[in-house]
Protein backbone atom coordinates (compact mmCIF):
# COMPACT_ATOMS: atom_id res chain seq x y z
CA MET A 1 16.13 -12.15 -0.75
CA LEU A 2 13.40 -14.86 -0.73
CA ARG A 3 15.25 -17.32 0.67
CA LYS A 4 16.22 -15.09 3.50
CA LEU A 5 12.21 -14.55 4.24
CA LYS A 6 11.34 -18.19 3.92
CA ALA A 7 14.42 -18.68 6.92
CA THR A 8 12.42 -16.50 9.17
CA GLY A 9 8.84 -18.66 8.90
CA ALA A 10 7.48 -16.63 6.45
CA ARG A 11 4.80 -18.07 3.57
CA ILE A 12 5.38 -16.76 0.49
CA LEU A 13 2.31 -16.28 -1.59
CA GLU A 14 2.17 -15.26 -5.35
CA VAL A 15 -0.32 -12.03 -5.96
CA ASP A 16 -0.55 -10.58 -9.47
CA TYR A 17 -2.66 -7.35 -8.72
CA VAL A 18 -4.01 -7.00 -12.25
CA ASN A 19 -5.15 -10.89 -11.94
CA GLU A 20 -8.27 -11.36 -9.18
CA SER A 21 -7.92 -14.83 -9.59
CA THR A 22 -4.71 -14.93 -8.10
CA ILE A 23 -5.58 -12.89 -5.41
CA VAL A 24 -7.94 -15.27 -4.95
CA LYS A 25 -5.78 -18.50 -4.78
CA ALA A 26 -3.27 -16.83 -2.42
CA ALA A 27 -6.45 -16.04 0.10
CA LYS A 28 -7.25 -19.87 -0.38
CA GLU A 29 -3.60 -21.05 -0.14
CA TYR A 30 -3.30 -18.93 3.21
CA GLY A 31 -6.37 -20.81 4.88
CA THR A 32 -8.65 -19.73 7.24
CA GLY A 33 -5.68 -18.75 9.87
CA GLU A 34 -5.47 -15.12 11.20
CA LEU A 35 -3.68 -12.68 9.64
CA ASP A 36 -2.33 -9.96 11.81
CA CYS A 37 -0.83 -7.43 8.93
CA LEU A 38 -1.67 -7.38 5.39
CA ILE A 39 0.79 -4.92 3.47
CA ASN A 40 -0.31 -4.07 0.17
CA CYS A 41 2.65 -3.11 -1.93
CA ALA A 42 1.97 -2.18 -5.44
CA GLY A 43 3.67 0.20 -7.64
CA VAL A 44 5.09 0.76 -11.24
CA SER A 45 7.47 3.60 -12.66
CA PRO A 46 5.87 7.12 -12.41
CA GLN A 47 7.14 7.63 -15.67
CA PRO A 48 6.04 9.71 -18.07
CA PHE A 49 6.73 12.92 -16.62
CA LEU A 50 4.76 14.98 -18.71
CA TRP A 51 1.14 15.11 -17.65
CA ASP A 52 -0.11 14.80 -21.33
CA ALA A 53 2.03 11.91 -22.34
CA ASP A 54 0.07 8.94 -20.68
CA SER A 55 -2.28 7.20 -22.57
CA GLY A 56 -5.75 5.88 -21.58
CA ASP A 57 -4.43 1.90 -21.24
CA ARG A 58 -1.22 3.25 -19.24
CA LEU A 59 -3.37 5.32 -16.85
CA LEU A 60 -5.73 2.16 -16.35
CA GLU A 61 -2.82 -0.24 -15.80
CA MET A 62 -1.52 2.10 -13.03
CA PHE A 63 -4.67 2.41 -11.56
CA ASN A 64 -5.55 -1.22 -11.96
CA ILE A 65 -1.89 -1.95 -10.14
CA MET A 66 -1.85 0.37 -7.48
CA THR A 67 -5.25 0.96 -6.55
CA VAL A 68 -7.76 -2.14 -7.70
CA GLY A 69 -5.16 -4.92 -6.84
CA PRO A 70 -4.51 -3.30 -3.17
CA TYR A 71 -8.41 -3.29 -2.90
CA LEU A 72 -8.91 -6.58 -4.00
CA ALA A 73 -6.37 -8.10 -1.86
CA THR A 74 -7.71 -6.30 1.52
CA LYS A 75 -11.08 -7.76 0.11
CA HIS A 76 -10.21 -11.18 0.19
CA PHE A 77 -8.23 -11.49 2.92
CA LEU A 78 -10.66 -9.33 5.02
CA PRO A 79 -11.91 -12.98 6.53
CA ASN A 80 -8.36 -13.67 8.11
CA LEU A 81 -8.05 -10.21 9.37
CA LYS A 82 -11.08 -10.16 11.19
CA GLN A 83 -10.00 -12.94 13.03
CA SER A 84 -6.98 -11.40 14.33
CA SER A 85 -7.28 -9.44 18.01
CA SER A 86 -5.29 -6.24 16.27
CA PRO A 87 -5.70 -6.37 12.51
CA LYS A 88 -3.87 -3.95 10.24
CA VAL A 89 -3.64 -2.82 6.76
CA ALA A 90 -0.94 -1.10 5.48
CA ASN A 91 -0.96 0.56 1.69
CA ILE A 92 2.17 1.44 0.49
CA SER A 93 1.69 4.64 -0.84
CA SER A 94 3.66 7.88 -1.97
CA GLU A 95 3.72 11.64 -1.14
CA PHE A 96 2.76 12.00 -4.95
CA GLY A 97 -0.57 11.00 -3.98
CA CYS A 98 -1.18 14.02 -1.99
CA ILE A 99 -3.01 16.88 -3.63
CA SER A 100 -1.96 19.54 -0.96
CA SER A 101 1.47 18.94 -1.64
CA ASN A 102 1.78 18.61 -5.36
CA ASP A 103 4.12 21.86 -5.98
CA ARG A 104 5.57 20.00 -9.21
CA GLY A 105 2.96 18.49 -11.55
CA GLY A 106 3.97 15.83 -13.79
CA PHE A 107 3.83 12.24 -13.25
CA LEU A 108 0.05 12.59 -13.62
CA GLY A 109 -0.82 8.54 -13.65
CA TYR A 110 1.10 7.59 -10.77
CA ARG A 111 0.00 10.41 -8.97
CA LEU A 112 -4.14 9.71 -9.62
CA ALA A 113 -3.44 5.71 -8.74
CA LYS A 114 -1.69 6.72 -5.30
CA ALA A 115 -4.40 9.28 -4.47
CA ALA A 116 -6.86 7.06 -5.04
CA LEU A 117 -5.01 4.60 -3.05
CA ASN A 118 -5.30 7.09 -0.47
CA GLN A 119 -8.70 7.81 -0.66
CA GLN A 120 -9.31 3.78 -0.77
CA THR A 121 -7.36 3.98 2.84
CA LYS A 122 -9.21 6.38 4.41
CA THR A 123 -12.59 5.29 3.00
CA ILE A 124 -12.38 1.91 4.07
CA ALA A 125 -11.34 3.13 7.73
CA GLN A 126 -13.89 5.02 7.97
CA ALA A 127 -16.33 2.43 7.12
CA PHE A 128 -14.63 0.45 9.63
CA LYS A 129 -14.60 3.05 12.10
CA GLU A 130 -18.61 3.22 12.06
CA ASP A 131 -19.29 -0.16 12.42
CA GLY A 132 -17.14 -0.09 15.80
CA ASN A 133 -14.49 -2.62 14.20
CA LYS A 134 -10.90 -2.52 15.38
CA MET A 135 -9.05 -2.86 12.20
CA ILE A 136 -6.32 -0.29 11.27
CA PHE A 137 -5.60 0.89 8.05
CA LEU A 138 -2.63 2.90 7.07
CA ALA A 139 -1.14 4.30 3.97
CA LEU A 140 2.91 4.67 4.33
CA ASP A 141 5.41 6.56 2.11
CA PRO A 142 8.51 4.97 2.06
CA GLY A 143 10.27 7.70 0.65
CA TYR A 144 12.64 8.14 -2.38
CA ILE A 145 14.33 4.56 -2.34
CA ALA A 146 17.17 3.18 -5.09
CA THR A 147 14.76 0.53 -6.66
CA ARG A 148 13.68 -0.95 -10.07
CA LEU A 149 10.98 1.60 -9.93
CA THR A 150 13.06 4.70 -9.34
CA GLY A 151 15.37 3.60 -11.92
CA PHE A 152 17.69 3.02 -8.76
CA SER A 153 18.02 6.59 -7.90
CA GLY A 154 17.07 7.45 -4.70
CA THR A 155 17.93 9.68 -1.52
CA ASP A 156 16.34 7.39 1.28
CA ASP A 157 18.00 4.28 2.57
CA MET A 158 15.93 1.36 2.53
CA ASP A 159 16.53 -0.49 5.90
CA THR A 160 15.63 2.79 7.57
CA SER A 161 12.44 3.33 5.79
CA VAL A 162 11.43 -0.40 6.18
CA LYS A 163 12.32 -0.27 9.93
CA GLY A 164 10.29 3.05 10.02
CA MET A 165 7.23 1.57 8.58
CA VAL A 166 7.35 -1.28 10.77
CA ASP A 167 7.71 1.05 13.57
CA ILE A 168 4.44 2.79 12.30
CA ILE A 169 2.32 0.00 11.84
CA GLU A 170 3.51 -1.83 14.90
CA ARG A 171 2.50 1.36 17.19
CA ALA A 172 -0.48 2.55 15.23
CA GLU A 173 -3.76 2.91 17.20
CA ALA A 174 -7.41 3.49 15.78
CA ALA A 175 -6.94 7.57 15.79
CA ASP A 176 -4.47 6.43 13.08
CA SER A 177 -6.66 4.83 11.05
CA GLY A 178 -7.16 6.13 7.74
CA LEU A 179 -4.02 8.43 7.58
CA LEU A 180 -0.85 8.65 5.57
CA PHE A 181 2.58 8.89 7.29
CA GLU A 182 6.04 9.28 6.09
CA HIS A 183 8.37 6.37 6.92
CA SER A 184 9.75 8.64 9.70
CA GLY A 185 6.65 8.73 11.29
CA GLU A 186 5.59 12.31 10.17
CA LYS A 187 1.86 12.35 9.52
CA LEU A 188 1.25 13.92 5.71
CA PRO A 189 -1.80 15.84 4.60
CA PHE A 190 -3.87 14.40 1.69
């Protein structure tokens, strides 16, 4: 996969969302050029299911990976994004972070971290709107994809999901900033 990505001319920068120094290093390696789109894709398994099965350390790990890491990446790549004529930040989130659609219970740590990521997306978007800045912030739900994260089970097609999210990013306008979208383009309530 990396070989195919490199063949497109993409630059690969290594980032560990729980280690801020790797994010700082990646931003420095990227240099001073403009960045049109930053995609924060951070996730861990939503297990355990039972709400009281997570330890404090596990809750903090999920929060650090899926909320703090994307925040730090956005912060450290901000100078590059500000140089773009149409800058966008896309945070890969989940409908599991939506309070209004939670009808299952379970997966508490995962839900807390993704709800915080959704709030982060909305809050930063609002801050930029207040400053009159053109930067767009999006939260995107890729769906239930067969990956290591889901134990290779899933009902949504990876290619369809990726194409849908790319379409959303490319079409996004100022009015979309701070919103959560399913990969199909449907706006989801928080």
